[in-house]
Every structure is written in structure tokens, then in C-alpha cells.
N, C-alpha and C. Protein backbone atom coordinates (compact mmCIF):
# COMPACT_ATOMS: atom_id res chain seq x y z
N MET A 1 -4.53 -4.93 -5.01
CA MET A 1 -5.75 -5.50 -4.50
C MET A 1 -6.24 -4.63 -3.35
N LYS A 2 -7.48 -4.26 -3.41
CA LYS A 2 -8.08 -3.41 -2.38
C LYS A 2 -8.77 -4.29 -1.35
N LEU A 3 -8.43 -4.09 -0.09
CA LEU A 3 -9.06 -4.82 1.00
C LEU A 3 -10.07 -3.92 1.69
N THR A 4 -11.16 -4.53 2.14
CA THR A 4 -12.16 -3.79 2.90
C THR A 4 -11.64 -3.61 4.32
N PRO A 5 -12.21 -2.67 5.06
CA PRO A 5 -11.79 -2.50 6.46
C PRO A 5 -11.94 -3.79 7.28
N LEU A 6 -12.98 -4.56 7.02
CA LEU A 6 -13.18 -5.82 7.74
C LEU A 6 -12.08 -6.82 7.39
N GLN A 7 -11.69 -6.87 6.12
CA GLN A 7 -10.62 -7.78 5.71
C GLN A 7 -9.29 -7.38 6.34
N ILE A 8 -9.04 -6.08 6.42
CA ILE A 8 -7.81 -5.59 7.05
C ILE A 8 -7.79 -6.00 8.52
N GLN A 9 -8.92 -5.84 9.19
CA GLN A 9 -9.00 -6.21 10.60
C GLN A 9 -8.77 -7.71 10.78
N LYS A 10 -9.41 -8.53 9.97
CA LYS A 10 -9.24 -9.98 10.07
C LYS A 10 -7.79 -10.38 9.80
N LEU A 11 -7.17 -9.75 8.82
CA LEU A 11 -5.76 -10.02 8.51
C LEU A 11 -4.88 -9.72 9.71
N ALA A 12 -5.07 -8.55 10.30
CA ALA A 12 -4.27 -8.16 11.47
C ALA A 12 -4.51 -9.11 12.64
N GLU A 13 -5.76 -9.51 12.84
CA GLU A 13 -6.08 -10.44 13.93
C GLU A 13 -5.39 -11.79 13.72
N LYS A 14 -5.39 -12.28 12.47
CA LYS A 14 -4.75 -13.56 12.19
C LYS A 14 -3.24 -13.48 12.40
N VAL A 15 -2.63 -12.41 11.93
CA VAL A 15 -1.18 -12.24 12.11
C VAL A 15 -0.85 -12.20 13.60
N LEU A 16 -1.61 -11.43 14.34
CA LEU A 16 -1.37 -11.30 15.78
C LEU A 16 -1.56 -12.65 16.48
N ALA A 17 -2.61 -13.38 16.12
CA ALA A 17 -2.86 -14.69 16.73
C ALA A 17 -1.73 -15.67 16.41
N THR A 18 -1.23 -15.63 15.18
CA THR A 18 -0.13 -16.51 14.79
C THR A 18 1.13 -16.17 15.57
N TRP A 19 1.43 -14.89 15.68
CA TRP A 19 2.60 -14.47 16.45
C TRP A 19 2.50 -14.96 17.90
N LYS A 20 1.30 -14.80 18.48
CA LYS A 20 1.10 -15.22 19.87
C LYS A 20 1.23 -16.73 20.02
N SER A 21 0.64 -17.49 19.11
CA SER A 21 0.66 -18.95 19.23
C SER A 21 2.07 -19.52 19.07
N HIS A 22 2.92 -18.82 18.32
CA HIS A 22 4.30 -19.27 18.14
C HIS A 22 5.27 -18.57 19.09
N ASN A 23 4.72 -17.83 20.03
CA ASN A 23 5.53 -17.09 21.01
C ASN A 23 6.60 -16.22 20.35
N LEU A 24 6.19 -15.52 19.31
CA LEU A 24 7.12 -14.65 18.59
C LEU A 24 7.14 -13.22 19.13
N VAL A 25 6.11 -12.88 19.91
CA VAL A 25 6.04 -11.52 20.43
C VAL A 25 5.76 -11.54 21.93
N GLU A 26 6.22 -10.50 22.56
CA GLU A 26 5.90 -10.28 23.97
C GLU A 26 5.41 -8.84 24.05
N PHE A 27 4.20 -8.66 24.51
CA PHE A 27 3.57 -7.35 24.47
C PHE A 27 3.98 -6.49 25.65
N LYS A 28 4.34 -5.26 25.33
CA LYS A 28 4.62 -4.27 26.37
C LYS A 28 3.40 -3.37 26.55
N ALA A 29 2.48 -3.46 25.59
CA ALA A 29 1.24 -2.68 25.64
C ALA A 29 0.07 -3.66 25.55
N ASP A 30 -1.11 -3.13 25.73
CA ASP A 30 -2.33 -3.94 25.64
C ASP A 30 -2.47 -4.50 24.22
N GLU A 31 -2.91 -5.75 24.11
CA GLU A 31 -3.06 -6.37 22.79
C GLU A 31 -4.01 -5.60 21.89
N LYS A 32 -5.04 -5.02 22.49
CA LYS A 32 -6.00 -4.25 21.70
C LYS A 32 -5.32 -3.05 21.05
N GLN A 33 -4.43 -2.40 21.78
CA GLN A 33 -3.69 -1.27 21.22
C GLN A 33 -2.77 -1.72 20.10
N VAL A 34 -2.14 -2.87 20.28
CA VAL A 34 -1.25 -3.41 19.25
C VAL A 34 -2.05 -3.71 17.99
N LEU A 35 -3.21 -4.34 18.15
CA LEU A 35 -4.07 -4.67 17.01
C LEU A 35 -4.52 -3.40 16.29
N GLU A 36 -4.92 -2.38 17.04
CA GLU A 36 -5.34 -1.12 16.43
C GLU A 36 -4.20 -0.48 15.65
N ARG A 37 -2.99 -0.55 16.19
CA ARG A 37 -1.83 0.02 15.50
C ARG A 37 -1.50 -0.76 14.23
N MET A 38 -1.66 -2.08 14.28
CA MET A 38 -1.43 -2.90 13.08
C MET A 38 -2.42 -2.52 11.98
N ILE A 39 -3.68 -2.38 12.35
CA ILE A 39 -4.71 -2.00 11.39
C ILE A 39 -4.41 -0.63 10.81
N ALA A 40 -4.02 0.31 11.66
CA ALA A 40 -3.68 1.66 11.19
C ALA A 40 -2.50 1.63 10.24
N ALA A 41 -1.51 0.79 10.52
CA ALA A 41 -0.33 0.71 9.65
C ALA A 41 -0.70 0.19 8.26
N VAL A 42 -1.57 -0.80 8.21
CA VAL A 42 -2.00 -1.33 6.91
C VAL A 42 -2.79 -0.27 6.14
N ARG A 43 -3.66 0.43 6.84
CA ARG A 43 -4.45 1.49 6.18
C ARG A 43 -3.54 2.61 5.66
N GLU A 44 -2.55 2.99 6.44
CA GLU A 44 -1.60 4.02 6.01
C GLU A 44 -0.86 3.58 4.75
N ASP A 45 -0.50 2.32 4.70
CA ASP A 45 0.20 1.79 3.52
C ASP A 45 -0.71 1.84 2.29
N TYR A 46 -1.98 1.48 2.47
CA TYR A 46 -2.92 1.57 1.36
C TYR A 46 -3.10 3.01 0.90
N ASP A 47 -3.16 3.93 1.84
CA ASP A 47 -3.31 5.34 1.48
C ASP A 47 -2.09 5.84 0.70
N ARG A 48 -0.90 5.43 1.11
CA ARG A 48 0.32 5.83 0.39
C ARG A 48 0.31 5.28 -1.03
N GLU A 49 -0.14 4.04 -1.19
CA GLU A 49 -0.17 3.46 -2.53
C GLU A 49 -1.25 4.13 -3.39
N ALA A 50 -2.38 4.49 -2.79
CA ALA A 50 -3.43 5.18 -3.54
C ALA A 50 -2.93 6.54 -4.03
N LEU A 51 -2.19 7.25 -3.19
CA LEU A 51 -1.62 8.53 -3.59
C LEU A 51 -0.59 8.34 -4.70
N LEU A 52 0.20 7.29 -4.60
CA LEU A 52 1.18 6.96 -5.64
C LEU A 52 0.48 6.74 -6.97
N GLU A 53 -0.60 5.95 -6.97
CA GLU A 53 -1.33 5.67 -8.21
C GLU A 53 -1.94 6.95 -8.79
N LYS A 54 -2.43 7.81 -7.92
CA LYS A 54 -2.99 9.08 -8.37
C LYS A 54 -1.91 9.92 -9.06
N ASP A 55 -0.74 9.98 -8.46
CA ASP A 55 0.37 10.75 -9.04
C ASP A 55 0.84 10.14 -10.36
N VAL A 56 0.88 8.82 -10.44
CA VAL A 56 1.29 8.16 -11.69
C VAL A 56 0.29 8.48 -12.79
N ASN A 57 -1.00 8.42 -12.48
CA ASN A 57 -2.01 8.74 -13.49
C ASN A 57 -1.91 10.19 -13.94
N LYS A 58 -1.63 11.10 -13.02
CA LYS A 58 -1.46 12.50 -13.40
C LYS A 58 -0.26 12.67 -14.33
N MET A 59 0.85 11.99 -14.00
CA MET A 59 2.03 12.06 -14.86
C MET A 59 1.73 11.50 -16.25
N LEU A 60 0.99 10.41 -16.30
CA LEU A 60 0.65 9.80 -17.59
C LEU A 60 -0.23 10.73 -18.42
N GLU A 61 -1.17 11.40 -17.77
CA GLU A 61 -2.02 12.36 -18.49
C GLU A 61 -1.19 13.49 -19.06
N ASP A 62 -0.24 13.99 -18.28
CA ASP A 62 0.65 15.05 -18.76
C ASP A 62 1.48 14.57 -19.95
N LEU A 63 1.99 13.35 -19.87
CA LEU A 63 2.78 12.79 -20.97
C LEU A 63 1.92 12.60 -22.22
N GLU A 64 0.69 12.16 -22.04
CA GLU A 64 -0.20 11.97 -23.19
C GLU A 64 -0.46 13.29 -23.90
N ARG A 65 -0.66 14.34 -23.11
CA ARG A 65 -0.91 15.66 -23.71
C ARG A 65 0.31 16.16 -24.48
N SER A 66 1.49 15.91 -23.94
CA SER A 66 2.69 16.43 -24.59
C SER A 66 3.17 15.58 -25.76
N HIS A 67 2.86 14.29 -25.77
CA HIS A 67 3.36 13.41 -26.82
C HIS A 67 2.28 12.95 -27.81
N GLY A 68 1.06 13.29 -27.57
CA GLY A 68 0.00 12.97 -28.52
C GLY A 68 -0.24 11.48 -28.68
N GLY A 69 -0.41 11.04 -29.94
CA GLY A 69 -0.79 9.67 -30.23
C GLY A 69 0.32 8.65 -30.14
N GLN A 70 1.55 9.07 -29.99
CA GLN A 70 2.66 8.12 -29.98
C GLN A 70 3.04 7.69 -28.56
N PHE A 71 2.05 7.55 -27.72
CA PHE A 71 2.27 7.24 -26.32
C PHE A 71 1.51 5.97 -25.95
N GLU A 72 2.19 5.01 -25.34
CA GLU A 72 1.56 3.75 -24.95
C GLU A 72 1.42 3.71 -23.42
N ARG A 73 0.24 4.09 -22.97
CA ARG A 73 -0.04 4.22 -21.54
C ARG A 73 0.15 2.90 -20.79
N TYR A 74 -0.31 1.81 -21.37
CA TYR A 74 -0.25 0.52 -20.68
C TYR A 74 1.19 0.05 -20.44
N LYS A 75 2.12 0.52 -21.24
CA LYS A 75 3.53 0.17 -21.03
C LYS A 75 4.19 1.11 -20.01
N MET A 76 3.78 2.35 -20.04
CA MET A 76 4.41 3.34 -19.17
C MET A 76 3.91 3.27 -17.73
N TYR A 77 2.66 2.86 -17.53
CA TYR A 77 2.09 2.85 -16.18
C TYR A 77 2.93 2.04 -15.19
N PRO A 78 3.23 0.76 -15.48
CA PRO A 78 4.02 0.00 -14.49
C PRO A 78 5.44 0.56 -14.30
N LEU A 79 6.02 1.09 -15.37
CA LEU A 79 7.37 1.65 -15.26
C LEU A 79 7.38 2.87 -14.35
N LEU A 80 6.43 3.77 -14.59
CA LEU A 80 6.36 4.97 -13.75
C LEU A 80 6.03 4.63 -12.30
N LYS A 81 5.11 3.69 -12.13
CA LYS A 81 4.71 3.32 -10.77
C LYS A 81 5.89 2.73 -10.01
N GLN A 82 6.65 1.86 -10.65
CA GLN A 82 7.81 1.27 -9.98
C GLN A 82 8.86 2.33 -9.66
N LYS A 83 9.07 3.24 -10.60
CA LYS A 83 10.08 4.29 -10.39
C LYS A 83 9.68 5.20 -9.23
N LEU A 84 8.43 5.65 -9.22
CA LEU A 84 7.98 6.52 -8.13
C LEU A 84 7.97 5.78 -6.80
N ALA A 85 7.58 4.52 -6.82
CA ALA A 85 7.57 3.74 -5.58
C ALA A 85 8.97 3.62 -5.01
N LYS A 86 9.93 3.42 -5.88
CA LYS A 86 11.33 3.31 -5.43
C LYS A 86 11.80 4.64 -4.85
N GLU A 87 11.47 5.74 -5.53
CA GLU A 87 11.87 7.06 -5.04
C GLU A 87 11.25 7.38 -3.69
N ARG A 88 9.99 6.96 -3.51
CA ARG A 88 9.28 7.25 -2.26
C ARG A 88 9.44 6.16 -1.21
N LYS A 89 10.22 5.14 -1.56
CA LYS A 89 10.49 4.02 -0.66
C LYS A 89 9.21 3.32 -0.24
N ILE A 90 8.37 3.02 -1.25
CA ILE A 90 7.13 2.28 -1.03
C ILE A 90 7.33 0.89 -1.61
N ILE A 91 7.01 -0.11 -0.83
CA ILE A 91 7.11 -1.49 -1.31
C ILE A 91 5.76 -1.88 -1.88
N LEU A 92 5.77 -2.31 -3.14
CA LEU A 92 4.52 -2.69 -3.80
C LEU A 92 4.25 -4.16 -3.63
């Protein structure tokens, strides 16, 4: 699921507000800096997953070329994506 930048910001704000209301965190830095870092972390994670999907699609295209008509892309996509995610230590 792709989130817009505004949705990412709202998500980070809600998480931060929940942590604060339950006294789960004590800030050593300014809250604004913490919020910005949270937003950046979510964006970085999305970028890593987008790169993963791009690599999976490239691998599938290569497999299709080498195996011709006897290739089922819809079955291979989730398998390859899970395998690459595990190798790259990405949580889906």
C-alpha cells in the first residue's frame, strides 16, 4: 500500500502522540526533530521496498525471456519478492 507524504506525516504524528500520552518515551531531542526522523524512516522503508519491487520485476522479465511461455509470473512474483526481502533483511 502506497501512502502519500501527508498520510506518512499523520501516521508519525499519531504514533508520537500515543507514545507521549502513555508515557512510553522520554525525549532527549526536540519533538520536532524526532517527528522528522520518524517520517524519514518511513520514507526510507518505502524507498527500499520500491527498489525491491523493481529488482523483482527485472528478475521476472529475465526469467520470462529465458523460459518462454512456460513461466507463470503471478506465482513467481510473491516467491521472488519474499526471497529477496529475506536476503536484504526487509520486513514486508
